[in-house]
């Protein structure tokens, strides 16, 4: 059922997150510093990158949430790295490579990717204002500039869903999944599009996978509720809708429809005069 699938997916995902402890993260950061130094690179650049990503997570969460959602670059991790590097010989670090032609080529490539992501961000901003056609144009421009970015195709799939183009949404979602099988937004869009097209088996598979990739957001819960409701499993539907509502609240994009669905699923109040008790025998 959708309810059991959602629970299993969330359990597996949560167990997967738990195996990476704070100690694992500290070791990972330490080894990053060690390996950068051994490769001849100045490892202090790692701190700068961490700070850039930390700020980007706040400013543009949708662009970085897939990368950092389970292990955010919190102040503790950055502080630990700074403390470790403060103990190193600074003159030795100064002698390490910070700028080469190869590095500059990589930076130039990142600058081009950043330009494409600017169009992606513009598309999201326009979509939030209800300007879907303009958003689609911006999204298509991002894809034209860099078709290898899975979030761009996932963003196009989301827009296609809002524009009632389920086949187009499914095609874009599948392109995103081919580029990044672990992208939550792609699996969610694939499931929602399959549901709109009446392919319940494919919808269940994609939505359950989305819930396993990222248990927190309400989208997978909401669509699994809609799938259960279509199949007449009202108890499962109500539980999935309740999970979506609890995750986001009634004011959210999924929480609001989930609250309406829960009210719809409530049994109607009894009609007619109340039943009177039988008269007592004397």
C-alpha atoms as a PDB file:
ATOM      1  CA  UNK A   1       0.000   0.000   0.000  1.00  0.00           C
ATOM      2  CA  UNK A   2       1.024   3.639  -0.292  1.00  0.00           C
ATOM      3  CA  UNK A   3       1.055   3.965   3.494  1.00  0.00           C
ATOM      4  CA  UNK A   4       3.353   0.978   4.042  1.00  0.00           C
ATOM      5  CA  UNK A   5       5.557   2.016   1.132  1.00  0.00           C
ATOM      6  CA  UNK A   6       5.936   5.499   2.592  1.00  0.00           C
ATOM      7  CA  UNK A   7       6.834   4.126   6.031  1.00  0.00           C
ATOM      8  CA  UNK A   8       9.398   1.661   4.669  1.00  0.00           C
ATOM      9  CA  UNK A   9      11.003   4.297   2.459  1.00  0.00           C
ATOM     10  CA  UNK A  10      11.269   6.755   5.345  1.00  0.00           C
ATOM     11  CA  UNK A  11      12.713   4.104   7.654  1.00  0.00           C
ATOM     12  CA  UNK A  12      15.363   3.055   5.142  1.00  0.00           C
ATOM     13  CA  UNK A  13      16.294   6.663   4.423  1.00  0.00           C
ATOM     14  CA  UNK A  14      16.540   7.523   8.114  1.00  0.00           C
ATOM     15  CA  UNK A  15      18.748   4.508   8.772  1.00  0.00           C
ATOM     16  CA  UNK A  16      20.932   5.566   5.877  1.00  0.00           C
ATOM     17  CA  UNK A  17      21.366   9.009   7.401  1.00  0.00           C
ATOM     18  CA  UNK A  18      22.150   7.645  10.860  1.00  0.00           C
ATOM     19  CA  UNK A  19      25.190   5.693   9.715  1.00  0.00           C
ATOM     20  CA  UNK A  20      26.964   9.017   9.082  1.00  0.00           C
ATOM     21  CA  UNK A  21      27.711  10.393  12.542  1.00  0.00           C
ATOM     22  CA  UNK A  22      29.338  13.633  13.553  1.00  0.00           C
ATOM     23  CA  UNK A  23      32.599  11.690  13.964  1.00  0.00           C
ATOM     24  CA  UNK A  24      32.279  10.467  10.369  1.00  0.00           C
ATOM     25  CA  UNK A  25      31.830  14.042   9.185  1.00  0.00           C
ATOM     26  CA  UNK A  26      34.853  15.215  11.180  1.00  0.00           C
ATOM     27  CA  UNK A  27      36.941  12.423   9.697  1.00  0.00           C
ATOM     28  CA  UNK A  28      35.730  13.274   6.196  1.00  0.00           C
ATOM     29  CA  UNK A  29      36.670  16.932   6.625  1.00  0.00           C
ATOM     30  CA  UNK A  30      40.054  15.996   8.094  1.00  0.00           C
ATOM     31  CA  UNK A  31      40.837  13.649   5.221  1.00  0.00           C
ATOM     32  CA  UNK A  32      39.814  16.325   2.734  1.00  0.00           C
ATOM     33  CA  UNK A  33      42.438  18.621   4.244  1.00  0.00           C
ATOM     34  CA  UNK A  34      45.069  15.867   4.281  1.00  0.00           C
ATOM     35  CA  UNK A  35      44.466  14.737   0.701  1.00  0.00           C
ATOM     36  CA  UNK A  36      44.412  18.299  -0.636  1.00  0.00           C
ATOM     37  CA  UNK A  37      47.793  18.939   0.979  1.00  0.00           C
ATOM     38  CA  UNK A  38      49.259  15.697  -0.341  1.00  0.00           C
ATOM     39  CA  UNK A  39      48.073  16.572  -3.826  1.00  0.00           C
ATOM     40  CA  UNK A  40      49.969  19.850  -3.611  1.00  0.00           C
ATOM     41  CA  UNK A  41      46.934  22.113  -3.220  1.00  0.00           C
ATOM     42  CA  UNK A  42      46.502  24.703  -0.507  1.00  0.00           C
ATOM     43  CA  UNK A  43      43.890  23.071   1.787  1.00  0.00           C
ATOM     44  CA  UNK A  44      42.852  26.456   3.178  1.00  0.00           C
ATOM     45  CA  UNK A  45      40.745  26.808   0.045  1.00  0.00           C
ATOM     46  CA  UNK A  46      38.508  24.106   1.503  1.00  0.00           C
ATOM     47  CA  UNK A  47      37.382  26.496   4.240  1.00  0.00           C
ATOM     48  CA  UNK A  48      36.542  29.178   1.719  1.00  0.00           C
ATOM     49  CA  UNK A  49      34.519  26.688  -0.284  1.00  0.00           C
ATOM     50  CA  UNK A  50      32.689  25.518   2.841  1.00  0.00           C
ATOM     51  CA  UNK A  51      31.721  29.088   3.679  1.00  0.00           C
ATOM     52  CA  UNK A  52      30.534  29.749   0.135  1.00  0.00           C
ATOM     53  CA  UNK A  53      28.380  26.612   0.191  1.00  0.00           C
ATOM     54  CA  UNK A  54      27.067  27.438   3.671  1.00  0.00           C
ATOM     55  CA  UNK A  55      25.983  30.871   2.503  1.00  0.00           C
ATOM     56  CA  UNK A  56      24.548  29.434  -0.700  1.00  0.00           C
ATOM     57  CA  UNK A  57      22.517  26.967   1.335  1.00  0.00           C
ATOM     58  CA  UNK A  58      20.842  29.940   3.033  1.00  0.00           C
ATOM     59  CA  UNK A  59      20.469  32.122  -0.056  1.00  0.00           C
ATOM     60  CA  UNK A  60      19.549  29.468  -2.633  1.00  0.00           C
ATOM     61  CA  UNK A  61      18.414  26.355  -0.736  1.00  0.00           C
ATOM     62  CA  UNK A  62      16.852  24.699  -3.770  1.00  0.00           C
ATOM     63  CA  UNK A  63      20.124  24.684  -5.661  1.00  0.00           C
ATOM     64  CA  UNK A  64      22.122  23.079  -2.830  1.00  0.00           C
ATOM     65  CA  UNK A  65      19.613  21.171  -0.743  1.00  0.00           C
ATOM     66  CA  UNK A  66      20.219  17.869  -2.550  1.00  0.00           C
ATOM     67  CA  UNK A  67      23.920  18.072  -1.720  1.00  0.00           C
ATOM     68  CA  UNK A  68      23.724  19.327   1.863  1.00  0.00           C
ATOM     69  CA  UNK A  69      20.325  18.253   3.182  1.00  0.00           C
ATOM     70  CA  UNK A  70      21.666  15.429   5.405  1.00  0.00           C
ATOM     71  CA  UNK A  71      25.004  16.973   6.412  1.00  0.00           C
ATOM     72  CA  UNK A  72      24.801  20.774   6.490  1.00  0.00           C
ATOM     73  CA  UNK A  73      28.008  22.766   6.640  1.00  0.00           C
ATOM     74  CA  UNK A  74      27.428  24.053  10.145  1.00  0.00           C
ATOM     75  CA  UNK A  75      29.707  26.365  12.084  1.00  0.00           C
ATOM     76  CA  UNK A  76      31.215  23.476  14.047  1.00  0.00           C
ATOM     77  CA  UNK A  77      32.560  21.760  10.937  1.00  0.00           C
ATOM     78  CA  UNK A  78      34.028  24.987   9.591  1.00  0.00           C
ATOM     79  CA  UNK A  79      35.527  25.828  12.991  1.00  0.00           C
ATOM     80  CA  UNK A  80      37.147  22.414  13.276  1.00  0.00           C
ATOM     81  CA  UNK A  81      38.745  22.809   9.848  1.00  0.00           C
ATOM     82  CA  UNK A  82      40.020  26.290  10.716  1.00  0.00           C
ATOM     83  CA  UNK A  83      41.493  25.027  13.982  1.00  0.00           C
ATOM     84  CA  UNK A  84      43.234  22.136  12.270  1.00  0.00           C
ATOM     85  CA  UNK A  85      44.764  24.320   9.579  1.00  0.00           C
ATOM     86  CA  UNK A  86      45.847  26.932  12.134  1.00  0.00           C
ATOM     87  CA  UNK A  87      48.253  24.323  13.540  1.00  0.00           C
ATOM     88  CA  UNK A  88      49.935  23.801  10.166  1.00  0.00           C
ATOM     89  CA  UNK A  89      53.053  25.632   9.025  1.00  0.00           C
ATOM     90  CA  UNK A  90      51.581  28.623   7.230  1.00  0.00           C
ATOM     91  CA  UNK A  91      54.686  29.188   5.116  1.00  0.00           C
ATOM     92  CA  UNK A  92      54.466  25.599   3.914  1.00  0.00           C
ATOM     93  CA  UNK A  93      50.825  26.146   3.030  1.00  0.00           C
ATOM     94  CA  UNK A  94      51.696  29.370   1.203  1.00  0.00           C
ATOM     95  CA  UNK A  95      54.034  27.367  -1.034  1.00  0.00           C
ATOM     96  CA  UNK A  96      51.259  25.049  -2.196  1.00  0.00           C
ATOM     97  CA  UNK A  97      49.413  25.536  -5.452  1.00  0.00           C
ATOM     98  CA  UNK A  98      46.504  27.938  -5.424  1.00  0.00           C
ATOM     99  CA  UNK A  99      46.369  29.008  -9.051  1.00  0.00           C
ATOM    100  CA  UNK A 100      47.297  27.099 -12.214  1.00  0.00           C
ATOM    101  CA  UNK A 101      46.063  27.135 -15.824  1.00  0.00           C
ATOM    102  CA  UNK A 102      44.152  23.943 -15.093  1.00  0.00           C
ATOM    103  CA  UNK A 103      42.581  25.557 -12.022  1.00  0.00           C
ATOM    104  CA  UNK A 104      41.632  28.603 -14.056  1.00  0.00           C
ATOM    105  CA  UNK A 105      39.974  26.411 -16.690  1.00  0.00           C
ATOM    106  CA  UNK A 106      37.951  24.724 -13.983  1.00  0.00           C
ATOM    107  CA  UNK A 107      36.968  28.085 -12.519  1.00  0.00           C
ATOM    108  CA  UNK A 108      35.929  29.314 -15.978  1.00  0.00           C
ATOM    109  CA  UNK A 109      33.732  26.262 -16.351  1.00  0.00           C
ATOM    110  CA  UNK A 110      32.131  26.940 -12.961  1.00  0.00           C
ATOM    111  CA  UNK A 111      31.459  30.536 -13.970  1.00  0.00           C
ATOM    112  CA  UNK A 112      29.598  29.323 -17.054  1.00  0.00           C
ATOM    113  CA  UNK A 113      27.590  26.893 -14.923  1.00  0.00           C
ATOM    114  CA  UNK A 114      26.795  29.749 -12.538  1.00  0.00           C
ATOM    115  CA  UNK A 115      25.342  31.755 -15.429  1.00  0.00           C
ATOM    116  CA  UNK A 116      23.067  28.842 -16.289  1.00  0.00           C
ATOM    117  CA  UNK A 117      22.020  28.514 -12.651  1.00  0.00           C
ATOM    118  CA  UNK A 118      21.115  32.202 -12.685  1.00  0.00           C
ATOM    119  CA  UNK A 119      18.484  31.433 -15.326  1.00  0.00           C
ATOM    120  CA  UNK A 120      17.349  28.456 -13.250  1.00  0.00           C
ATOM    121  CA  UNK A 121      16.919  30.739 -10.245  1.00  0.00           C
ATOM    122  CA  UNK A 122      15.054  33.274 -12.380  1.00  0.00           C
ATOM    123  CA  UNK A 123      12.698  30.514 -13.530  1.00  0.00           C
ATOM    124  CA  UNK A 124      11.911  29.569  -9.933  1.00  0.00           C
ATOM    125  CA  UNK A 125      11.300  33.197  -8.998  1.00  0.00           C
ATOM    126  CA  UNK A 126       8.945  33.711 -11.948  1.00  0.00           C
ATOM    127  CA  UNK A 127       7.114  30.478 -11.154  1.00  0.00           C
ATOM    128  CA  UNK A 128       6.567  31.601  -7.562  1.00  0.00           C
ATOM    129  CA  UNK A 129       4.827  34.687  -9.000  1.00  0.00           C
ATOM    130  CA  UNK A 130       2.620  32.562 -11.247  1.00  0.00           C
ATOM    131  CA  UNK A 131       4.377  33.630 -14.475  1.00  0.00           C
ATOM    132  CA  UNK A 132       4.684  30.097 -15.815  1.00  0.00           C
ATOM    133  CA  UNK A 133       5.338  30.820 -19.488  1.00  0.00           C
ATOM    134  CA  UNK A 134       8.129  33.252 -18.658  1.00  0.00           C
ATOM    135  CA  UNK A 135       9.501  30.773 -16.120  1.00  0.00           C
ATOM    136  CA  UNK A 136       9.563  28.043 -18.749  1.00  0.00           C
ATOM    137  CA  UNK A 137      11.514  30.293 -21.113  1.00  0.00           C
ATOM    138  CA  UNK A 138      14.105  30.968 -18.425  1.00  0.00           C
ATOM    139  CA  UNK A 139      14.295  27.275 -17.559  1.00  0.00           C
ATOM    140  CA  UNK A 140      14.784  26.312 -21.198  1.00  0.00           C
ATOM    141  CA  UNK A 141      17.582  28.873 -21.468  1.00  0.00           C
ATOM    142  CA  UNK A 142      19.316  27.281 -18.464  1.00  0.00           C
ATOM    143  CA  UNK A 143      19.021  23.869 -20.144  1.00  0.00           C
ATOM    144  CA  UNK A 144      20.357  25.272 -23.420  1.00  0.00           C
ATOM    145  CA  UNK A 145      23.385  26.682 -21.619  1.00  0.00           C
ATOM    146  CA  UNK A 146      24.113  23.471 -19.703  1.00  0.00           C
ATOM    147  CA  UNK A 147      21.957  20.427 -20.488  1.00  0.00           C
ATOM    148  CA  UNK A 148      23.972  18.246 -18.080  1.00  0.00           C
ATOM    149  CA  UNK A 149      22.449  19.754 -14.951  1.00  0.00           C
ATOM    150  CA  UNK A 150      19.758  17.442 -13.556  1.00  0.00           C
ATOM    151  CA  UNK A 151      18.054  20.183 -11.467  1.00  0.00           C
ATOM    152  CA  UNK A 152      17.321  22.127 -14.659  1.00  0.00           C
ATOM    153  CA  UNK A 153      15.350  19.241 -16.151  1.00  0.00           C
ATOM    154  CA  UNK A 154      13.628  18.611 -12.813  1.00  0.00           C
ATOM    155  CA  UNK A 155      12.646  22.283 -12.712  1.00  0.00           C
ATOM    156  CA  UNK A 156      11.197  21.986 -16.200  1.00  0.00           C
ATOM    157  CA  UNK A 157       9.235  18.933 -15.091  1.00  0.00           C
ATOM    158  CA  UNK A 158       7.763  20.873 -12.155  1.00  0.00           C
ATOM    159  CA  UNK A 159       6.729  23.706 -14.456  1.00  0.00           C
ATOM    160  CA  UNK A 160       5.168  21.269 -16.936  1.00  0.00           C
ATOM    161  CA  UNK A 161       3.117  19.747 -14.118  1.00  0.00           C
ATOM    162  CA  UNK A 162       1.798  23.167 -13.165  1.00  0.00           C
ATOM    163  CA  UNK A 163       0.959  23.801 -16.818  1.00  0.00           C
ATOM    164  CA  UNK A 164      -1.015  20.533 -16.993  1.00  0.00           C
ATOM    165  CA  UNK A 165       1.459  18.921 -19.385  1.00  0.00           C
ATOM    166  CA  UNK A 166       1.958  15.531 -17.751  1.00  0.00           C
ATOM    167  CA  UNK A 167       3.722  13.852 -20.725  1.00  0.00           C
ATOM    168  CA  UNK A 168       6.167  16.750 -20.971  1.00  0.00           C
ATOM    169  CA  UNK A 169       6.738  16.622 -17.216  1.00  0.00           C
ATOM    170  CA  UNK A 170       7.458  12.902 -17.327  1.00  0.00           C
ATOM    171  CA  UNK A 171       9.934  13.311 -20.202  1.00  0.00           C
ATOM    172  CA  UNK A 172      11.827  16.064 -18.355  1.00  0.00           C
ATOM    173  CA  UNK A 173      11.770  14.124 -15.084  1.00  0.00           C
ATOM    174  CA  UNK A 174      13.245  11.075 -16.779  1.00  0.00           C
ATOM    175  CA  UNK A 175      16.054  13.180 -18.270  1.00  0.00           C
ATOM    176  CA  UNK A 176      16.811  14.490 -14.777  1.00  0.00           C
ATOM    177  CA  UNK A 177      16.780  10.982 -13.307  1.00  0.00           C
ATOM    178  CA  UNK A 178      19.148   9.747 -16.005  1.00  0.00           C
ATOM    179  CA  UNK A 179      21.603  12.496 -15.040  1.00  0.00           C
ATOM    180  CA  UNK A 180      21.127  12.096 -11.281  1.00  0.00           C
ATOM    181  CA  UNK A 181      19.209   9.008 -10.062  1.00  0.00           C
ATOM    182  CA  UNK A 182      19.309  10.334  -6.514  1.00  0.00           C
ATOM    183  CA  UNK A 183      17.558  13.638  -7.177  1.00  0.00           C
ATOM    184  CA  UNK A 184      14.402  13.839  -5.066  1.00  0.00           C
ATOM    185  CA  UNK A 185      12.722  16.469  -7.221  1.00  0.00           C
ATOM    186  CA  UNK A 186      13.070  14.294 -10.332  1.00  0.00           C
ATOM    187  CA  UNK A 187      11.547  11.226  -8.661  1.00  0.00           C
ATOM    188  CA  UNK A 188       8.703  13.342  -7.251  1.00  0.00           C
ATOM    189  CA  UNK A 189       7.903  14.898 -10.636  1.00  0.00           C
ATOM    190  CA  UNK A 190       8.066  11.495 -12.310  1.00  0.00           C
ATOM    191  CA  UNK A 191       5.594  10.084  -9.792  1.00  0.00           C
ATOM    192  CA  UNK A 192       3.230  13.040 -10.015  1.00  0.00           C
ATOM    193  CA  UNK A 193       3.259  12.946 -13.821  1.00  0.00           C
ATOM    194  CA  UNK A 194       2.633   9.190 -13.860  1.00  0.00           C
ATOM    195  CA  UNK A 195      -0.272   9.705 -11.470  1.00  0.00           C
ATOM    196  CA  UNK A 196      -1.804  12.373 -13.709  1.00  0.00           C
ATOM    197  CA  UNK A 197      -1.442  10.039 -16.696  1.00  0.00           C
ATOM    198  CA  UNK A 198      -3.196   7.188 -14.859  1.00  0.00           C
ATOM    199  CA  UNK A 199      -0.158   4.922 -14.529  1.00  0.00           C
ATOM    200  CA  UNK A 200      -0.649   4.046 -10.869  1.00  0.00           C
ATOM    201  CA  UNK A 201       2.048   1.381 -10.686  1.00  0.00           C
ATOM    202  CA  UNK A 202       4.727   3.718 -12.020  1.00  0.00           C
ATOM    203  CA  UNK A 203       3.436   6.532  -9.798  1.00  0.00           C
ATOM    204  CA  UNK A 204       3.672   4.365  -6.677  1.00  0.00           C
ATOM    205  CA  UNK A 205       7.219   3.260  -7.532  1.00  0.00           C
ATOM    206  CA  UNK A 206       8.492   6.792  -8.191  1.00  0.00           C
ATOM    207  CA  UNK A 207       6.733   8.415  -5.228  1.00  0.00           C
ATOM    208  CA  UNK A 208       7.909   5.741  -2.798  1.00  0.00           C
ATOM    209  CA  UNK A 209      11.436   6.214  -4.088  1.00  0.00           C
ATOM    210  CA  UNK A 210      11.126   9.989  -3.664  1.00  0.00           C
ATOM    211  CA  UNK A 211      10.000   9.517  -0.060  1.00  0.00           C
ATOM    212  CA  UNK A 212      13.051   7.344   0.527  1.00  0.00           C
ATOM    213  CA  UNK A 213      15.440   9.814  -1.053  1.00  0.00           C
ATOM    214  CA  UNK A 214      14.255  12.634   1.204  1.00  0.00           C
ATOM    215  CA  UNK A 215      11.648  11.853   3.874  1.00  0.00           C
ATOM    216  CA  UNK A 216      11.115  15.421   5.059  1.00  0.00           C
ATOM    217  CA  UNK A 217       9.262  17.378   2.347  1.00  0.00           C
ATOM    218  CA  UNK A 218       5.501  16.868   1.964  1.00  0.00           C
ATOM    219  CA  UNK A 219       5.288  16.321  -1.807  1.00  0.00           C
ATOM    220  CA  UNK A 220       5.669  12.537  -1.847  1.00  0.00           C
ATOM    221  CA  UNK A 221       3.256  12.132   1.064  1.00  0.00           C
ATOM    222  CA  UNK A 222       0.635  14.267  -0.653  1.00  0.00           C
ATOM    223  CA  UNK A 223       0.816  12.452  -3.986  1.00  0.00           C
ATOM    224  CA  UNK A 224       0.840   9.041  -2.285  1.00  0.00           C
ATOM    225  CA  UNK A 225      -2.330  10.185  -0.537  1.00  0.00           C
ATOM    226  CA  UNK A 226      -3.872  11.164  -3.867  1.00  0.00           C
ATOM    227  CA  UNK A 227      -2.916   7.774  -5.298  1.00  0.00           C
ATOM    228  CA  UNK A 228      -4.466   5.937  -2.344  1.00  0.00           C
ATOM    229  CA  UNK A 229      -7.633   8.016  -2.608  1.00  0.00           C
ATOM    230  CA  UNK A 230      -7.994   7.152  -6.291  1.00  0.00           C
ATOM    231  CA  UNK A 231      -7.685   3.492  -5.414  1.00  0.00           C
ATOM    232  CA  UNK A 232     -10.341   3.763  -2.713  1.00  0.00           C
ATOM    233  CA  UNK A 233      -7.985   3.204   0.214  1.00  0.00           C
ATOM    234  CA  UNK A 234      -9.216   6.106   2.290  1.00  0.00           C
ATOM    235  CA  UNK A 235      -7.398   5.156   5.502  1.00  0.00           C
ATOM    236  CA  UNK A 236      -4.051   5.096   3.683  1.00  0.00           C
ATOM    237  CA  UNK A 237      -4.926   8.329   1.911  1.00  0.00           C
ATOM    238  CA  UNK A 238      -5.810  10.092   5.157  1.00  0.00           C
ATOM    239  CA  UNK A 239      -2.546   9.030   6.789  1.00  0.00           C
ATOM    240  CA  UNK A 240      -0.472  10.259   3.842  1.00  0.00           C
ATOM    241  CA  UNK A 241      -2.381  13.559   3.687  1.00  0.00           C
ATOM    242  CA  UNK A 242      -1.904  13.996   7.432  1.00  0.00           C
ATOM    243  CA  UNK A 243       1.848  13.467   7.039  1.00  0.00           C
ATOM    244  CA  UNK A 244       1.973  16.145   4.330  1.00  0.00           C
ATOM    245  CA  UNK A 245      -0.044  18.557   6.465  1.00  0.00           C
ATOM    246  CA  UNK A 246       2.114  17.949   9.529  1.00  0.00           C
ATOM    247  CA  UNK A 247       5.294  18.506   7.505  1.00  0.00           C
ATOM    248  CA  UNK A 248       4.285  21.807   5.938  1.00  0.00           C
ATOM    249  CA  UNK A 249       1.202  23.237   7.589  1.00  0.00           C
ATOM    250  CA  UNK A 250      -2.044  24.292   5.970  1.00  0.00           C
ATOM    251  CA  UNK A 251      -0.472  27.348   4.364  1.00  0.00           C
ATOM    252  CA  UNK A 252       1.963  25.344   2.248  1.00  0.00           C
ATOM    253  CA  UNK A 253       1.731  24.342  -1.394  1.00  0.00           C
ATOM    254  CA  UNK A 254       1.028  20.727  -0.438  1.00  0.00           C
ATOM    255  CA  UNK A 255      -0.223  21.270   3.100  1.00  0.00           C
ATOM    256  CA  UNK A 256      -3.214  23.301   1.940  1.00  0.00           C
ATOM    257  CA  UNK A 257      -4.517  20.702  -0.549  1.00  0.00           C
ATOM    258  CA  UNK A 258      -3.767  17.976   2.001  1.00  0.00           C
ATOM    259  CA  UNK A 259      -5.939  19.736   4.577  1.00  0.00           C
ATOM    260  CA  UNK A 260      -8.756  20.059   2.021  1.00  0.00           C
ATOM    261  CA  UNK A 261      -8.439  16.377   1.168  1.00  0.00           C
ATOM    262  CA  UNK A 262      -8.638  15.399   4.839  1.00  0.00           C
ATOM    263  CA  UNK A 263     -11.813  17.400   5.236  1.00  0.00           C
ATOM    264  CA  UNK A 264     -13.202  15.749   2.128  1.00  0.00           C
ATOM    265  CA  UNK A 265     -12.455  12.296   3.488  1.00  0.00           C
ATOM    266  CA  UNK A 266     -14.223  12.929   6.794  1.00  0.00           C
ATOM    267  CA  UNK A 267     -17.570  11.120   7.029  1.00  0.00           C
ATOM    268  CA  UNK A 268     -20.554  13.457   6.603  1.00  0.00           C
ATOM    269  CA  UNK A 269     -22.492  14.379   9.744  1.00  0.00           C
ATOM    270  CA  UNK A 270     -25.731  12.458  10.323  1.00  0.00           C
ATOM    271  CA  UNK A 271     -28.851  13.992   8.799  1.00  0.00           C
ATOM    272  CA  UNK A 272     -32.475  13.952   9.950  1.00  0.00           C
ATOM    273  CA  UNK A 273     -33.913  14.092  13.456  1.00  0.00           C
ATOM    274  CA  UNK A 274     -32.051  12.196  16.171  1.00  0.00           C
ATOM    275  CA  UNK A 275     -33.290   8.699  16.819  1.00  0.00           C
ATOM    276  CA  UNK A 276     -35.517   8.547  19.857  1.00  0.00           C
ATOM    277  CA  UNK A 277     -35.262   5.795  22.387  1.00  0.00           C
ATOM    278  CA  UNK A 278     -37.989   3.212  22.681  1.00  0.00           C
ATOM    279  CA  UNK A 279     -40.702   3.972  25.219  1.00  0.00           C
ATOM    280  CA  UNK A 280     -40.367   2.081  28.437  1.00  0.00           C
ATOM    281  CA  UNK A 281     -42.852  -0.652  29.178  1.00  0.00           C
ATOM    282  CA  UNK A 282     -44.969  -0.208  32.228  1.00  0.00           C
END
